[in-house]
Amino acid sequence: QVQLVESGGGLVQAGGSLRLSCAASRNIFSFVAMGWYRQAPGNKRELVAALTISGSTNYAGSVKGRFTISRDNAKNTVYLQMNSLKPEDTAVYYCNADARQYNYWGQGTQVTVAS
């Protein structure tokens, strides 16, 4: 069983920054891709950013230029650096690991951006 543990969420003023971390319980290169999703109340869970094993990245249009996904291989950790935060970024952020035959999810971390 794979565990993904997120941290780094919190309350921040609009225009501020946060960095989310997702620590995996096994080598992150065992996953096809890792990513961050978010879900705001009343909304569907949506992809925010993804990072493939080859290093390719994919971002939601609403966060391009503001968010950056990266990884630390030695720590089996994926990060989401979030800059220029907006109130509409408020959501629970979930880490995801795609093991091809199964998707693993973290417990989620709340990000609240005050206007």
Protein backbone atom coordinates (compact mmCIF):
# COMPACT_ATOMS: atom_id res chain seq x y z
CA GLN A 1 0.00 0.00 0.00
CA VAL A 2 1.31 3.41 -0.96
CA GLN A 3 0.93 6.37 1.34
CA LEU A 4 0.99 9.97 0.17
CA VAL A 5 1.29 12.55 2.90
CA GLU A 6 0.59 16.18 2.00
CA SER A 7 1.62 19.23 3.95
CA GLY A 8 1.99 22.95 3.50
CA GLY A 9 -1.57 24.14 3.19
CA GLY A 10 -2.96 27.04 5.16
CA LEU A 11 -4.44 30.51 5.07
CA VAL A 12 -2.77 33.17 2.95
CA GLN A 13 -3.67 36.61 1.66
CA ALA A 14 -4.34 37.13 -2.02
CA GLY A 15 -1.06 37.64 -3.85
CA GLY A 16 0.81 35.47 -1.39
CA SER A 17 2.59 32.15 -1.83
CA LEU A 18 2.46 28.65 -0.43
CA ARG A 19 4.41 25.49 -1.13
CA LEU A 20 2.69 22.14 -0.85
CA SER A 21 4.65 18.96 -0.30
CA CYS A 22 3.66 15.35 -1.00
CA ALA A 23 5.87 12.66 0.49
CA ALA A 24 5.45 9.19 -0.98
CA SER A 25 6.13 5.98 0.92
CA ARG A 26 7.98 4.48 -2.03
CA ASN A 27 10.21 5.54 -4.90
CA ILE A 28 8.35 8.13 -6.96
CA PHE A 29 9.90 6.74 -10.14
CA SER A 30 7.68 3.70 -9.66
CA PHE A 31 4.78 5.94 -10.75
CA VAL A 32 3.98 6.93 -14.32
CA ALA A 33 3.16 10.41 -13.10
CA MET A 34 2.43 12.39 -9.99
CA GLY A 35 0.19 15.36 -9.73
CA TRP A 36 -1.85 17.78 -7.72
CA TYR A 37 -5.61 18.08 -7.91
CA ARG A 38 -7.97 20.38 -6.10
CA GLN A 39 -11.60 20.42 -5.16
CA ALA A 40 -13.56 23.43 -4.05
CA PRO A 41 -16.98 23.08 -2.35
CA GLY A 42 -19.63 22.20 -4.90
CA ASN A 43 -17.07 21.61 -7.64
CA LYS A 44 -15.57 18.53 -9.21
CA ARG A 45 -12.00 17.56 -8.46
CA GLU A 46 -9.76 19.07 -11.11
CA LEU A 47 -6.18 18.63 -12.22
CA VAL A 48 -3.90 21.46 -11.18
CA ALA A 49 -0.49 20.20 -12.26
CA ALA A 50 1.13 16.93 -13.24
CA LEU A 51 4.71 15.72 -13.60
CA THR A 52 5.52 12.58 -15.55
CA ILE A 53 8.36 10.17 -14.94
CA SER A 54 10.14 11.68 -17.96
CA GLY A 55 9.91 15.15 -16.49
CA SER A 56 7.10 16.53 -18.64
CA THR A 57 4.70 18.88 -16.93
CA ASN A 58 1.09 19.81 -17.49
CA TYR A 59 -0.79 22.66 -15.87
CA ALA A 60 -4.37 23.79 -15.71
CA GLY A 61 -4.81 26.99 -17.68
CA SER A 62 -5.91 28.88 -14.59
CA VAL A 63 -2.59 28.29 -12.81
CA LYS A 64 -0.07 28.50 -15.66
CA GLY A 65 2.66 30.97 -14.89
CA ARG A 66 1.77 31.01 -11.19
CA PHE A 67 2.20 27.41 -10.01
CA THR A 68 5.19 25.12 -10.47
CA ILE A 69 5.35 21.39 -9.86
CA SER A 70 8.70 19.81 -9.04
CA ARG A 71 10.18 16.80 -7.31
CA ASP A 72 13.03 15.78 -5.05
CA ASN A 73 13.95 12.25 -6.05
CA ALA A 74 16.08 11.60 -3.00
CA LYS A 75 13.19 12.51 -0.70
CA ASN A 76 10.47 10.83 -2.79
CA THR A 77 8.63 14.11 -2.57
CA VAL A 78 6.69 16.21 -5.06
CA TYR A 79 6.09 19.91 -4.52
CA LEU A 80 3.64 22.48 -5.74
CA GLN A 81 4.91 26.03 -5.49
CA MET A 82 1.96 28.38 -5.65
CA ASN A 83 2.59 32.09 -6.23
CA SER A 84 0.28 35.04 -6.81
CA LEU A 85 -2.53 33.17 -5.13
CA LYS A 86 -6.09 34.22 -5.78
CA PRO A 87 -9.27 33.65 -3.77
CA GLU A 88 -10.46 31.29 -6.50
CA ASP A 89 -7.50 29.02 -5.70
CA THR A 90 -9.21 28.18 -2.40
CA ALA A 91 -9.78 24.42 -2.28
CA VAL A 92 -8.62 21.17 -0.77
CA TYR A 93 -5.51 20.10 -2.65
CA TYR A 94 -4.83 16.41 -3.17
CA CYS A 95 -1.66 14.65 -4.20
CA ASN A 96 -2.05 11.88 -6.75
CA ALA A 97 0.28 9.09 -7.86
CA ASP A 98 -0.49 7.21 -11.05
CA ALA A 99 0.79 3.66 -10.82
CA ARG A 100 -0.79 2.83 -14.19
CA GLN A 101 -3.11 0.15 -12.83
CA TYR A 102 -4.07 2.10 -9.76
CA ASN A 103 -4.27 5.72 -8.64
CA TYR A 104 -3.22 6.64 -5.13
CA TRP A 105 -4.47 9.73 -3.28
CA GLY A 106 -3.35 11.69 -0.30
CA GLN A 107 -5.70 12.87 2.41
CA GLY A 108 -5.78 16.43 1.13
CA THR A 109 -4.61 19.74 2.51
CA GLN A 110 -6.74 22.87 2.75
CA VAL A 111 -5.60 26.03 1.00
CA THR A 112 -7.57 29.18 1.75
CA VAL A 113 -6.80 32.46 0.01
CA ALA A 114 -8.32 35.52 1.65
CA SER A 115 -9.20 38.53 -0.46
